[in-house]
Amino acid sequence: MNIREIAFLNLFIIFILFGINNNAYSQKVYSVDRDYKADVKVYVTNNDYNADLLVFKVDRDYKATNNEGRWYFTDRDYKADKKIYFVDRDYKADLKIYFVDRDYKAKWRDVSKKYLMY
């Protein structure tokens, strides 16, 4: 391989790693209108103890990081990292959430489901 090919390969690897890292920690979501369009089906519980994830809705996209339950709802699907669909029954859901009123309350209660938002 010549220097140009090595440089291109290194640049390609950096872009791949950046893309994986960037998506791994993002929490930008878009609510779709059909379940087949969704990456994750979500049910909103009435109590925090029934939820897998306690979610706080943030007002800016840069605040939605680290897969800790701070979600930013985008206005377009292409801006989102995950597309979600709200279901009407808990047994239809991949993930059960409860909306909290303070950002410090946002957290995973069932860490085994954390992979759903990566």
PDB file of N, CA and C in Angstrom:
ATOM      1  N   MET A   1       0.836  -1.188   0.000  1.00  0.00           N
ATOM      2  CA  MET A   1       0.000   0.000   0.000  1.00  0.00           C
ATOM      3  C   MET A   1       0.878   1.247   0.000  1.00  0.00           C
ATOM      4  N   ASN A   2       0.397   2.216  -0.727  1.00  0.00           N
ATOM      5  CA  ASN A   2       1.132   3.485  -0.733  1.00  0.00           C
ATOM      6  C   ASN A   2       0.590   4.413   0.363  1.00  0.00           C
ATOM      7  N   ILE A   3       1.217   5.561   0.510  1.00  0.00           N
ATOM      8  CA  ILE A   3       0.865   6.496   1.578  1.00  0.00           C
ATOM      9  C   ILE A   3      -0.576   6.999   1.429  1.00  0.00           C
ATOM     10  N   ARG A   4      -0.995   7.230   0.221  1.00  0.00           N
ATOM     11  CA  ARG A   4      -2.357   7.715  -0.020  1.00  0.00           C
ATOM     12  C   ARG A   4      -3.400   6.690   0.437  1.00  0.00           C
ATOM     13  N   GLU A   5      -3.177   5.417   0.146  1.00  0.00           N
ATOM     14  CA  GLU A   5      -4.100   4.371   0.572  1.00  0.00           C
ATOM     15  C   GLU A   5      -4.120   4.218   2.091  1.00  0.00           C
ATOM     16  N   ILE A   6      -2.974   4.319   2.720  1.00  0.00           N
ATOM     17  CA  ILE A   6      -2.890   4.219   4.182  1.00  0.00           C
ATOM     18  C   ILE A   6      -3.616   5.397   4.833  1.00  0.00           C
ATOM     19  N   ALA A   7      -3.414   6.590   4.296  1.00  0.00           N
ATOM     20  CA  ALA A   7      -4.085   7.775   4.834  1.00  0.00           C
ATOM     21  C   ALA A   7      -5.601   7.648   4.688  1.00  0.00           C
ATOM     22  N   PHE A   8      -6.042   7.173   3.536  1.00  0.00           N
ATOM     23  CA  PHE A   8      -7.475   6.982   3.315  1.00  0.00           C
ATOM     24  C   PHE A   8      -8.043   5.952   4.287  1.00  0.00           C
ATOM     25  N   LEU A   9      -7.337   4.858   4.490  1.00  0.00           N
ATOM     26  CA  LEU A   9      -7.779   3.810   5.413  1.00  0.00           C
ATOM     27  C   LEU A   9      -7.872   4.346   6.840  1.00  0.00           C
ATOM     28  N   ASN A  10      -6.874   5.104   7.265  1.00  0.00           N
ATOM     29  CA  ASN A  10      -6.904   5.694   8.608  1.00  0.00           C
ATOM     30  C   ASN A  10      -8.075   6.658   8.766  1.00  0.00           C
ATOM     31  N   LEU A  11      -8.305   7.477   7.760  1.00  0.00           N
ATOM     32  CA  LEU A  11      -9.419   8.415   7.801  1.00  0.00           C
ATOM     33  C   LEU A  11     -10.753   7.681   7.854  1.00  0.00           C
ATOM     34  N   PHE A  12     -10.868   6.626   7.092  1.00  0.00           N
ATOM     35  CA  PHE A  12     -12.087   5.807   7.086  1.00  0.00           C
ATOM     36  C   PHE A  12     -12.338   5.209   8.468  1.00  0.00           C
ATOM     37  N   ILE A  13     -11.317   4.693   9.099  1.00  0.00           N
ATOM     38  CA  ILE A  13     -11.442   4.103  10.433  1.00  0.00           C
ATOM     39  C   ILE A  13     -11.864   5.159  11.448  1.00  0.00           C
ATOM     40  N   ILE A  14     -11.308   6.350  11.358  1.00  0.00           N
ATOM     41  CA  ILE A  14     -11.676   7.433  12.280  1.00  0.00           C
ATOM     42  C   ILE A  14     -13.148   7.789  12.120  1.00  0.00           C
ATOM     43  N   PHE A  15     -13.629   7.895  10.871  1.00  0.00           N
ATOM     44  CA  PHE A  15     -15.038   8.212  10.650  1.00  0.00           C
ATOM     45  C   PHE A  15     -15.950   7.120  11.187  1.00  0.00           C
ATOM     46  N   ILE A  16     -15.576   5.872  11.021  1.00  0.00           N
ATOM     47  CA  ILE A  16     -16.374   4.757  11.536  1.00  0.00           C
ATOM     48  C   ILE A  16     -16.440   4.821  13.057  1.00  0.00           C
ATOM     49  N   LEU A  17     -15.303   4.997  13.693  1.00  0.00           N
ATOM     50  CA  LEU A  17     -15.275   5.056  15.156  1.00  0.00           C
ATOM     51  C   LEU A  17     -16.043   6.254  15.682  1.00  0.00           C
ATOM     52  N   PHE A  18     -15.923   7.403  15.022  1.00  0.00           N
ATOM     53  CA  PHE A  18     -16.675   8.580  15.448  1.00  0.00           C
ATOM     54  C   PHE A  18     -18.170   8.341  15.320  1.00  0.00           C
ATOM     55  N   GLY A  19     -18.594   7.729  14.227  1.00  0.00           N
ATOM     56  CA  GLY A  19     -20.015   7.450  14.022  1.00  0.00           C
ATOM     57  C   GLY A  19     -20.570   6.502  15.062  1.00  0.00           C
ATOM     58  N   ILE A  20     -19.829   5.462  15.403  1.00  0.00           N
ATOM     59  CA  ILE A  20     -20.270   4.521  16.425  1.00  0.00           C
ATOM     60  C   ILE A  20     -20.332   5.205  17.778  1.00  0.00           C
ATOM     61  N   ASN A  21     -19.331   5.964  18.115  1.00  0.00           N
ATOM     62  CA  ASN A  21     -19.291   6.644  19.404  1.00  0.00           C
ATOM     63  C   ASN A  21     -20.390   7.691  19.515  1.00  0.00           C
ATOM     64  N   ASN A  22     -20.616   8.436  18.464  1.00  0.00           N
ATOM     65  CA  ASN A  22     -21.626   9.476  18.483  1.00  0.00           C
ATOM     66  C   ASN A  22     -23.023   8.893  18.687  1.00  0.00           C
ATOM     67  N   ASN A  23     -23.361   7.827  17.977  1.00  0.00           N
ATOM     68  CA  ASN A  23     -24.677   7.227  18.107  1.00  0.00           C
ATOM     69  C   ASN A  23     -24.845   6.457  19.399  1.00  0.00           C
ATOM     70  N   ALA A  24     -23.766   5.988  19.972  1.00  0.00           N
ATOM     71  CA  ALA A  24     -23.863   5.185  21.182  1.00  0.00           C
ATOM     72  C   ALA A  24     -24.368   5.990  22.370  1.00  0.00           C
ATOM     73  N   TYR A  25     -24.174   7.289  22.355  1.00  0.00           N
ATOM     74  CA  TYR A  25     -24.529   8.079  23.518  1.00  0.00           C
ATOM     75  C   TYR A  25     -25.659   9.065  23.259  1.00  0.00           C
ATOM     76  N   SER A  26     -26.194   9.083  22.083  1.00  0.00           N
ATOM     77  CA  SER A  26     -27.228  10.055  21.754  1.00  0.00           C
ATOM     78  C   SER A  26     -28.600   9.597  22.224  1.00  0.00           C
ATOM     79  N   GLN A  27     -29.445  10.557  22.519  1.00  0.00           N
ATOM     80  CA  GLN A  27     -30.803  10.282  22.962  1.00  0.00           C
ATOM     81  C   GLN A  27     -31.800  11.178  22.229  1.00  0.00           C
ATOM     82  N   LYS A  28     -31.547  11.425  20.965  1.00  0.00           N
ATOM     83  CA  LYS A  28     -32.482  12.195  20.161  1.00  0.00           C
ATOM     84  C   LYS A  28     -33.495  11.222  19.581  1.00  0.00           C
ATOM     85  N   VAL A  29     -34.761  11.458  19.873  1.00  0.00           N
ATOM     86  CA  VAL A  29     -35.800  10.524  19.455  1.00  0.00           C
ATOM     87  C   VAL A  29     -36.854  11.239  18.613  1.00  0.00           C
ATOM     88  N   TYR A  30     -37.522  10.443  17.799  1.00  0.00           N
ATOM     89  CA  TYR A  30     -38.620  10.940  16.979  1.00  0.00           C
ATOM     90  C   TYR A  30     -39.773   9.966  17.135  1.00  0.00           C
ATOM     91  N   SER A  31     -40.939  10.481  17.384  1.00  0.00           N
ATOM     92  CA  SER A  31     -42.125   9.650  17.555  1.00  0.00           C
ATOM     93  C   SER A  31     -42.790   9.425  16.197  1.00  0.00           C
ATOM     94  N   VAL A  32     -42.831   8.168  15.764  1.00  0.00           N
ATOM     95  CA  VAL A  32     -43.424   7.817  14.471  1.00  0.00           C
ATOM     96  C   VAL A  32     -44.896   7.452  14.656  1.00  0.00           C
ATOM     97  N   ASP A  33     -45.620   7.407  13.544  1.00  0.00           N
ATOM     98  CA  ASP A  33     -47.060   7.164  13.603  1.00  0.00           C
ATOM     99  C   ASP A  33     -47.462   5.709  13.357  1.00  0.00           C
ATOM    100  N   ARG A  34     -46.514   4.841  13.055  1.00  0.00           N
ATOM    101  CA  ARG A  34     -46.801   3.421  12.822  1.00  0.00           C
ATOM    102  C   ARG A  34     -45.729   2.575  13.500  1.00  0.00           C
ATOM    103  N   ASP A  35     -46.132   1.442  14.041  1.00  0.00           N
ATOM    104  CA  ASP A  35     -45.183   0.613  14.792  1.00  0.00           C
ATOM    105  C   ASP A  35     -44.080   0.021  13.915  1.00  0.00           C
ATOM    106  N   TYR A  36     -44.372  -0.275  12.665  1.00  0.00           N
ATOM    107  CA  TYR A  36     -43.360  -0.871  11.789  1.00  0.00           C
ATOM    108  C   TYR A  36     -42.254   0.123  11.405  1.00  0.00           C
ATOM    109  N   LYS A  37     -42.478   1.408  11.622  1.00  0.00           N
ATOM    110  CA  LYS A  37     -41.461   2.424  11.341  1.00  0.00           C
ATOM    111  C   LYS A  37     -40.509   2.632  12.515  1.00  0.00           C
ATOM    112  N   ALA A  38     -40.834   2.063  13.663  1.00  0.00           N
ATOM    113  CA  ALA A  38     -40.098   2.341  14.896  1.00  0.00           C
ATOM    114  C   ALA A  38     -38.917   1.399  15.099  1.00  0.00           C
ATOM    115  N   ASP A  39     -37.889   1.940  15.758  1.00  0.00           N
ATOM    116  CA  ASP A  39     -36.777   1.125  16.242  1.00  0.00           C
ATOM    117  C   ASP A  39     -37.142   0.483  17.579  1.00  0.00           C
ATOM    118  N   VAL A  40     -37.914   1.222  18.374  1.00  0.00           N
ATOM    119  CA  VAL A  40     -38.288   0.767  19.713  1.00  0.00           C
ATOM    120  C   VAL A  40     -39.753   1.117  19.960  1.00  0.00           C
ATOM    121  N   LYS A  41     -40.511   0.149  20.488  1.00  0.00           N
ATOM    122  CA  LYS A  41     -41.893   0.400  20.890  1.00  0.00           C
ATOM    123  C   LYS A  41     -41.892   0.727  22.378  1.00  0.00           C
ATOM    124  N   VAL A  42     -42.559   1.825  22.723  1.00  0.00           N
ATOM    125  CA  VAL A  42     -42.491   2.381  24.077  1.00  0.00           C
ATOM    126  C   VAL A  42     -43.884   2.464  24.680  1.00  0.00           C
ATOM    127  N   TYR A  43     -43.958   2.107  25.960  1.00  0.00           N
ATOM    128  CA  TYR A  43     -45.193   2.265  26.724  1.00  0.00           C
ATOM    129  C   TYR A  43     -44.913   3.212  27.884  1.00  0.00           C
ATOM    130  N   VAL A  44     -45.802   4.174  28.096  1.00  0.00           N
ATOM    131  CA  VAL A  44     -45.658   5.116  29.197  1.00  0.00           C
ATOM    132  C   VAL A  44     -46.472   4.601  30.385  1.00  0.00           C
ATOM    133  N   THR A  45     -45.792   4.322  31.482  1.00  0.00           N
ATOM    134  CA  THR A  45     -46.451   3.800  32.677  1.00  0.00           C
ATOM    135  C   THR A  45     -47.019   4.928  33.533  1.00  0.00           C
ATOM    136  N   ASN A  46     -47.878   4.562  34.466  1.00  0.00           N
ATOM    137  CA  ASN A  46     -48.467   5.530  35.390  1.00  0.00           C
ATOM    138  C   ASN A  46     -47.621   5.724  36.642  1.00  0.00           C
ATOM    139  N   ASN A  47     -46.684   4.804  36.872  1.00  0.00           N
ATOM    140  CA  ASN A  47     -45.855   4.851  38.073  1.00  0.00           C
ATOM    141  C   ASN A  47     -44.397   4.617  37.716  1.00  0.00           C
ATOM    142  N   ASP A  48     -43.492   5.270  38.443  1.00  0.00           N
ATOM    143  CA  ASP A  48     -42.068   5.108  38.147  1.00  0.00           C
ATOM    144  C   ASP A  48     -41.557   3.702  38.451  1.00  0.00           C
ATOM    145  N   TYR A  49     -42.149   3.025  39.433  1.00  0.00           N
ATOM    146  CA  TYR A  49     -41.663   1.693  39.788  1.00  0.00           C
ATOM    147  C   TYR A  49     -42.019   0.624  38.758  1.00  0.00           C
ATOM    148  N   ASN A  50     -42.923   0.918  37.842  1.00  0.00           N
ATOM    149  CA  ASN A  50     -43.252  -0.024  36.764  1.00  0.00           C
ATOM    150  C   ASN A  50     -42.394   0.190  35.520  1.00  0.00           C
ATOM    151  N   ALA A  51     -41.595   1.227  35.500  1.00  0.00           N
ATOM    152  CA  ALA A  51     -40.843   1.612  34.301  1.00  0.00           C
ATOM    153  C   ALA A  51     -39.466   0.961  34.256  1.00  0.00           C
ATOM    154  N   ASP A  52     -38.995   0.733  33.037  1.00  0.00           N
ATOM    155  CA  ASP A  52     -37.622   0.297  32.803  1.00  0.00           C
ATOM    156  C   ASP A  52     -36.680   1.504  32.807  1.00  0.00           C
ATOM    157  N   LEU A  53     -37.205   2.641  32.365  1.00  0.00           N
ATOM    158  CA  LEU A  53     -36.416   3.859  32.221  1.00  0.00           C
ATOM    159  C   LEU A  53     -37.233   5.056  32.683  1.00  0.00           C
ATOM    160  N   LEU A  54     -36.604   5.898  33.488  1.00  0.00           N
ATOM    161  CA  LEU A  54     -37.212   7.165  33.883  1.00  0.00           C
ATOM    162  C   LEU A  54     -36.672   8.232  32.935  1.00  0.00           C
ATOM    163  N   VAL A  55     -37.566   8.903  32.227  1.00  0.00           N
ATOM    164  CA  VAL A  55     -37.195   9.816  31.143  1.00  0.00           C
ATOM    165  C   VAL A  55     -37.506  11.253  31.513  1.00  0.00           C
ATOM    166  N   PHE A  56     -36.544  12.123  31.210  1.00  0.00           N
ATOM    167  CA  PHE A  56     -36.755  13.561  31.326  1.00  0.00           C
ATOM    168  C   PHE A  56     -36.635  14.159  29.930  1.00  0.00           C
ATOM    169  N   LYS A  57     -37.646  14.936  29.521  1.00  0.00           N
ATOM    170  CA  LYS A  57     -37.619  15.588  28.208  1.00  0.00           C
ATOM    171  C   LYS A  57     -36.820  16.874  28.313  1.00  0.00           C
ATOM    172  N   VAL A  58     -35.744  16.961  27.529  1.00  0.00           N
ATOM    173  CA  VAL A  58     -34.910  18.162  27.537  1.00  0.00           C
ATOM    174  C   VAL A  58     -35.330  19.084  26.392  1.00  0.00           C
ATOM    175  N   ASP A  59     -34.969  20.358  26.519  1.00  0.00           N
ATOM    176  CA  ASP A  59     -35.388  21.359  25.541  1.00  0.00           C
ATOM    177  C   ASP A  59     -34.351  21.646  24.461  1.00  0.00           C
ATOM    178  N   ARG A  60     -33.162  21.088  24.587  1.00  0.00           N
ATOM    179  CA  ARG A  60     -32.101  21.279  23.590  1.00  0.00           C
ATOM    180  C   ARG A  60     -31.436  19.942  23.293  1.00  0.00           C
ATOM    181  N   ASP A  61     -31.070  19.728  22.036  1.00  0.00           N
ATOM    182  CA  ASP A  61     -30.504  18.439  21.642  1.00  0.00           C
ATOM    183  C   ASP A  61     -29.160  18.136  22.294  1.00  0.00           C
ATOM    184  N   TYR A  62     -28.356  19.155  22.580  1.00  0.00           N
ATOM    185  CA  TYR A  62     -27.046  18.913  23.184  1.00  0.00           C
ATOM    186  C   TYR A  62     -27.154  18.415  24.632  1.00  0.00           C
ATOM    187  N   LYS A  63     -28.322  18.571  25.245  1.00  0.00           N
ATOM    188  CA  LYS A  63     -28.523  18.081  26.614  1.00  0.00           C
ATOM    189  C   LYS A  63     -28.896  16.596  26.646  1.00  0.00           C
ATOM    190  N   ALA A  64     -29.185  16.020  25.501  1.00  0.00           N
ATOM    191  CA  ALA A  64     -29.618  14.626  25.411  1.00  0.00           C
ATOM    192  C   ALA A  64     -28.417  13.736  25.105  1.00  0.00           C
ATOM    193  N   THR A  65     -27.706  13.346  26.147  1.00  0.00           N
ATOM    194  CA  THR A  65     -26.489  12.550  25.965  1.00  0.00           C
ATOM    195  C   THR A  65     -26.418  11.399  26.960  1.00  0.00           C
ATOM    196  N   ASN A  66     -25.490  10.497  26.689  1.00  0.00           N
ATOM    197  CA  ASN A  66     -25.060   9.446  27.613  1.00  0.00           C
ATOM    198  C   ASN A  66     -26.063   8.346  27.934  1.00  0.00           C
ATOM    199  N   ASN A  67     -27.118   8.194  27.186  1.00  0.00           N
ATOM    200  CA  ASN A  67     -28.082   7.111  27.397  1.00  0.00           C
ATOM    201  C   ASN A  67     -28.487   7.009  28.865  1.00  0.00           C
ATOM    202  N   GLU A  68     -28.819   8.137  29.456  1.00  0.00           N
ATOM    203  CA  GLU A  68     -29.201   8.182  30.868  1.00  0.00           C
ATOM    204  C   GLU A  68     -30.670   8.561  31.060  1.00  0.00           C
ATOM    205  N   GLY A  69     -31.415   8.650  29.989  1.00  0.00           N
ATOM    206  CA  GLY A  69     -32.834   8.943  30.118  1.00  0.00           C
ATOM    207  C   GLY A  69     -33.225  10.377  29.833  1.00  0.00           C
ATOM    208  N   ARG A  70     -32.294  11.184  29.354  1.00  0.00           N
ATOM    209  CA  ARG A  70     -32.625  12.547  28.947  1.00  0.00           C
ATOM    210  C   ARG A  70     -32.870  12.517  27.441  1.00  0.00           C
ATOM    211  N   TRP A  71     -34.115  12.709  27.041  1.00  0.00           N
ATOM    212  CA  TRP A  71     -34.513  12.596  25.640  1.00  0.00           C
ATOM    213  C   TRP A  71     -34.839  13.962  25.058  1.00  0.00           C
ATOM    214  N   TYR A  72     -34.408  14.135  23.813  1.00  0.00           N
ATOM    215  CA  TYR A  72     -34.790  15.300  23.034  1.00  0.00           C
ATOM    216  C   TYR A  72     -35.644  14.805  21.874  1.00  0.00           C
ATOM    217  N   PHE A  73     -36.860  15.320  21.764  1.00  0.00           N
ATOM    218  CA  PHE A  73     -37.756  14.926  20.682  1.00  0.00           C
ATOM    219  C   PHE A  73     -37.523  15.840  19.483  1.00  0.00           C
ATOM    220  N   THR A  74     -37.092  15.255  18.381  1.00  0.00           N
ATOM    221  CA  THR A  74     -36.808  16.021  17.170  1.00  0.00           C
ATOM    222  C   THR A  74     -38.094  16.247  16.377  1.00  0.00           C
ATOM    223  N   ASP A  75     -38.031  17.193  15.465  1.00  0.00           N
ATOM    224  CA  ASP A  75     -39.190  17.486  14.629  1.00  0.00           C
ATOM    225  C   ASP A  75     -39.155  16.751  13.291  1.00  0.00           C
ATOM    226  N   ARG A  76     -38.065  16.073  13.004  1.00  0.00           N
ATOM    227  CA  ARG A  76     -37.907  15.302  11.765  1.00  0.00           C
ATOM    228  C   ARG A  76     -37.251  13.960  12.077  1.00  0.00           C
ATOM    229  N   ASP A  77     -37.670  12.922  11.377  1.00  0.00           N
ATOM    230  CA  ASP A  77     -37.136  11.588  11.665  1.00  0.00           C
ATOM    231  C   ASP A  77     -35.655  11.448  11.331  1.00  0.00           C
ATOM    232  N   TYR A  78     -35.178  12.136  10.325  1.00  0.00           N
ATOM    233  CA  TYR A  78     -33.771  12.010   9.943  1.00  0.00           C
ATOM    234  C   TYR A  78     -32.828  12.665  10.953  1.00  0.00           C
ATOM    235  N   LYS A  79     -33.351  13.502  11.832  1.00  0.00           N
ATOM    236  CA  LYS A  79     -32.527  14.123  12.872  1.00  0.00           C
ATOM    237  C   LYS A  79     -32.392  13.229  14.108  1.00  0.00           C
ATOM    238  N   ALA A  80     -33.202  12.212  14.195  1.00  0.00           N
ATOM    239  CA  ALA A  80     -33.250  11.370  15.392  1.00  0.00           C
ATOM    240  C   ALA A  80     -32.260  10.214  15.311  1.00  0.00           C
ATOM    241  N   ASP A  81     -31.817   9.789  16.490  1.00  0.00           N
ATOM    242  CA  ASP A  81     -30.984   8.597  16.600  1.00  0.00           C
ATOM    243  C   ASP A  81     -31.847   7.350  16.755  1.00  0.00           C
ATOM    244  N   LYS A  82     -33.006   7.511  17.347  1.00  0.00           N
ATOM    245  CA  LYS A  82     -33.953   6.414  17.518  1.00  0.00           C
ATOM    246  C   LYS A  82     -35.347   6.882  17.170  1.00  0.00           C
ATOM    247  N   LYS A  83     -36.072   6.034  16.453  1.00  0.00           N
ATOM    248  CA  LYS A  83     -37.475   6.296  16.167  1.00  0.00           C
ATOM    249  C   LYS A  83     -38.293   5.422  17.108  1.00  0.00           C
ATOM    250  N   ILE A  84     -39.223   6.060  17.811  1.00  0.00           N
ATOM    251  CA  ILE A  84     -40.027   5.320  18.777  1.00  0.00           C
ATOM    252  C   ILE A  84     -41.498   5.385  18.401  1.00  0.00           C
ATOM    253  N   TYR A  85     -42.221   4.377  18.852  1.00  0.00           N
ATOM    254  CA  TYR A  85     -43.661   4.329  18.653  1.00  0.00           C
ATOM    255  C   TYR A  85     -44.293   4.070  20.017  1.00  0.00           C
ATOM    256  N   PHE A  86     -45.248   4.913  20.395  1.00  0.00           N
ATOM    257  CA  PHE A  86     -45.929   4.742  21.669  1.00  0.00           C
ATOM    258  C   PHE A  86     -47.081   3.750  21.510  1.00  0.00           C
ATOM    259  N   VAL A  87     -47.025   2.667  22.260  1.00  0.00           N
ATOM    260  CA  VAL A  87     -48.068   1.640  22.222  1.00  0.00           C
ATOM    261  C   VAL A  87     -49.056   1.877  23.358  1.00  0.00           C
ATOM    262  N   ASP A  88     -50.230   1.256  23.238  1.00  0.00           N
ATOM    263  CA  ASP A  88     -51.294   1.476  24.223  1.00  0.00           C
ATOM    264  C   ASP A  88     -51.358   0.400  25.310  1.00  0.00           C
ATOM    265  N   ARG A  89     -50.548  -0.637  25.229  1.00  0.00           N
ATOM    266  CA  ARG A  89     -50.512  -1.705  26.233  1.00  0.00           C
ATOM    267  C   ARG A  89     -49.066  -2.061  26.548  1.00  0.00           C
ATOM    268  N   ASP A  90     -48.792  -2.349  27.803  1.00  0.00           N
ATOM    269  CA  ASP A  90     -47.414  -2.619  28.214  1.00  0.00           C
ATOM    270  C   ASP A  90     -46.837  -3.891  27.595  1.00  0.00           C
ATOM    271  N   TYR A  91     -47.659  -4.894  27.342  1.00  0.00           N
ATOM    272  CA  TYR A  91     -47.155  -6.148  26.761  1.00  0.00           C
ATOM    273  C   TYR A  91     -46.727  -5.989  25.300  1.00  0.00           C
ATOM    274  N   LYS A  92     -47.125  -4.909  24.646  1.00  0.00           N
ATOM    275  CA  LYS A  92     -46.715  -4.645  23.267  1.00  0.00           C
ATOM    276  C   LYS A  92     -45.381  -3.905  23.192  1.00  0.00           C
ATOM    277  N   ALA A  93     -44.890  -3.445  24.327  1.00  0.00           N
ATOM    278  CA  ALA A  93     -43.728  -2.556  24.351  1.00  0.00           C
ATOM    279  C   ALA A  93     -42.416  -3.315  24.483  1.00  0.00           C
ATOM    280  N   ASP A  94     -41.392  -2.739  23.873  1.00  0.00           N
ATOM    281  CA  ASP A  94     -40.021  -3.189  24.097  1.00  0.00           C
ATOM    282  C   ASP A  94     -39.469  -2.530  25.361  1.00  0.00           C
ATOM    283  N   LEU A  95     -39.942  -1.309  25.616  1.00  0.00           N
ATOM    284  CA  LEU A  95     -39.412  -0.496  26.706  1.00  0.00           C
ATOM    285  C   LEU A  95     -40.554   0.233  27.397  1.00  0.00           C
ATOM    286  N   LYS A  96     -40.581   0.158  28.736  1.00  0.00           N
ATOM    287  CA  LYS A  96     -41.572   0.882  29.525  1.00  0.00           C
ATOM    288  C   LYS A  96     -40.882   2.085  30.167  1.00  0.00           C
ATOM    289  N   ILE A  97     -41.491   3.263  29.971  1.00  0.00           N
ATOM    290  CA  ILE A  97     -40.885   4.486  30.492  1.00  0.00           C
ATOM    291  C   ILE A  97     -41.865   5.224  31.391  1.00  0.00           C
ATOM    292  N   TYR A  98     -41.306   6.117  32.180  1.00  0.00           N
ATOM    293  CA  TYR A  98     -42.094   7.025  33.011  1.00  0.00           C
ATOM    294  C   TYR A  98     -41.431   8.395  32.896  1.00  0.00           C
ATOM    295  N   PHE A  99     -42.224   9.433  32.597  1.00  0.00           N
ATOM    296  CA  PHE A  99     -41.678  10.780  32.468  1.00  0.00           C
ATOM    297  C   PHE A  99     -41.550  11.416  33.852  1.00  0.00           C
ATOM    298  N   VAL A 100     -40.345  11.897  34.147  1.00  0.00           N
ATOM    299  CA  VAL A 100     -40.073  12.559  35.426  1.00  0.00           C
ATOM    300  C   VAL A 100     -40.003  14.065  35.229  1.00  0.00           C
ATOM    301  N   ASP A 101     -40.104  14.794  36.332  1.00  0.00           N
ATOM    302  CA  ASP A 101     -40.165  16.253  36.253  1.00  0.00           C
ATOM    303  C   ASP A 101     -38.828  16.956  36.467  1.00  0.00           C
ATOM    304  N   ARG A 102     -37.778  16.223  36.780  1.00  0.00           N
ATOM    305  CA  ARG A 102     -36.441  16.803  36.992  1.00  0.00           C
ATOM    306  C   ARG A 102     -35.396  15.942  36.290  1.00  0.00           C
ATOM    307  N   ASP A 103     -34.377  16.581  35.712  1.00  0.00           N
ATOM    308  CA  ASP A 103     -33.378  15.832  34.950  1.00  0.00           C
ATOM    309  C   ASP A 103     -32.545  14.893  35.814  1.00  0.00           C
ATOM    310  N   TYR A 104     -32.313  15.236  37.079  1.00  0.00           N
ATOM    311  CA  TYR A 104     -31.508  14.362  37.925  1.00  0.00           C
ATOM    312  C   TYR A 104     -32.233  13.057  38.281  1.00  0.00           C
ATOM    313  N   LYS A 105     -33.542  13.002  38.068  1.00  0.00           N
ATOM    314  CA  LYS A 105     -34.303  11.780  38.333  1.00  0.00           C
ATOM    315  C   LYS A 105     -34.241  10.790  37.174  1.00  0.00           C
ATOM    316  N   ALA A 106     -33.784  11.230  36.019  1.00  0.00           N
ATOM    317  CA  ALA A 106     -33.715  10.359  34.840  1.00  0.00           C
ATOM    318  C   ALA A 106     -32.656   9.287  35.052  1.00  0.00           C
ATOM    319  N   LYS A 107     -33.058   8.027  34.869  1.00  0.00           N
ATOM    320  CA  LYS A 107     -32.112   6.921  35.045  1.00  0.00           C
ATOM    321  C   LYS A 107     -32.741   5.612  34.578  1.00  0.00           C
ATOM    322  N   TRP A 108     -31.891   4.635  34.398  1.00  0.00           N
ATOM    323  CA  TRP A 108     -32.331   3.282  34.060  1.00  0.00           C
ATOM    324  C   TRP A 108     -32.688   2.547  35.341  1.00  0.00           C
ATOM    325  N   ARG A 109     -33.865   1.958  35.365  1.00  0.00           N
ATOM    326  CA  ARG A 109     -34.254   1.092  36.472  1.00  0.00           C
ATOM    327  C   ARG A 109     -33.999  -0.370  36.115  1.00  0.00           C
ATOM    328  N   ASP A 110     -34.051  -0.688  34.832  1.00  0.00           N
ATOM    329  CA  ASP A 110     -33.735  -2.033  34.347  1.00  0.00           C
ATOM    330  C   ASP A 110     -32.621  -1.901  33.310  1.00  0.00           C
ATOM    331  N   VAL A 111     -31.377  -2.046  33.763  1.00  0.00           N
ATOM    332  CA  VAL A 111     -30.233  -1.829  32.874  1.00  0.00           C
ATOM    333  C   VAL A 111     -30.120  -2.893  31.788  1.00  0.00           C
ATOM    334  N   SER A 112     -30.812  -4.004  31.924  1.00  0.00           N
ATOM    335  CA  SER A 112     -30.771  -5.039  30.886  1.00  0.00           C
ATOM    336  C   SER A 112     -31.423  -4.553  29.586  1.00  0.00           C
ATOM    337  N   LYS A 113     -32.216  -3.488  29.646  1.00  0.00           N
ATOM    338  CA  LYS A 113     -32.859  -2.947  28.445  1.00  0.00           C
ATOM    339  C   LYS A 113     -32.118  -1.745  27.873  1.00  0.00           C
ATOM    340  N   LYS A 114     -30.997  -1.397  28.463  1.00  0.00           N
ATOM    341  CA  LYS A 114     -30.243  -0.223  28.041  1.00  0.00           C
ATOM    342  C   LYS A 114     -29.800  -0.322  26.577  1.00  0.00           C
ATOM    343  N   TYR A 115     -29.545  -1.524  26.111  1.00  0.00           N
ATOM    344  CA  TYR A 115     -29.110  -1.731  24.728  1.00  0.00           C
ATOM    345  C   TYR A 115     -30.129  -1.215  23.704  1.00  0.00           C
ATOM    346  N   LEU A 116     -31.394  -1.145  24.076  1.00  0.00           N
ATOM    347  CA  LEU A 116     -32.433  -0.689  23.147  1.00  0.00           C
ATOM    348  C   LEU A 116     -32.214   0.735  22.676  1.00  0.00           C
ATOM    349  N   MET A 117     -31.552   1.543  23.485  1.00  0.00           N
ATOM    350  CA  MET A 117     -31.369   2.951  23.138  1.00  0.00           C
ATOM    351  C   MET A 117     -29.965   3.264  22.628  1.00  0.00           C
ATOM    352  N   TYR A 118     -29.153   2.243  22.417  1.00  0.00           N
ATOM    353  CA  TYR A 118     -27.831   2.472  21.805  1.00  0.00           C
ATOM    354  C   TYR A 118     -27.949   2.549  20.315  1.00  0.00           C
TER     355      TYR A 118
END
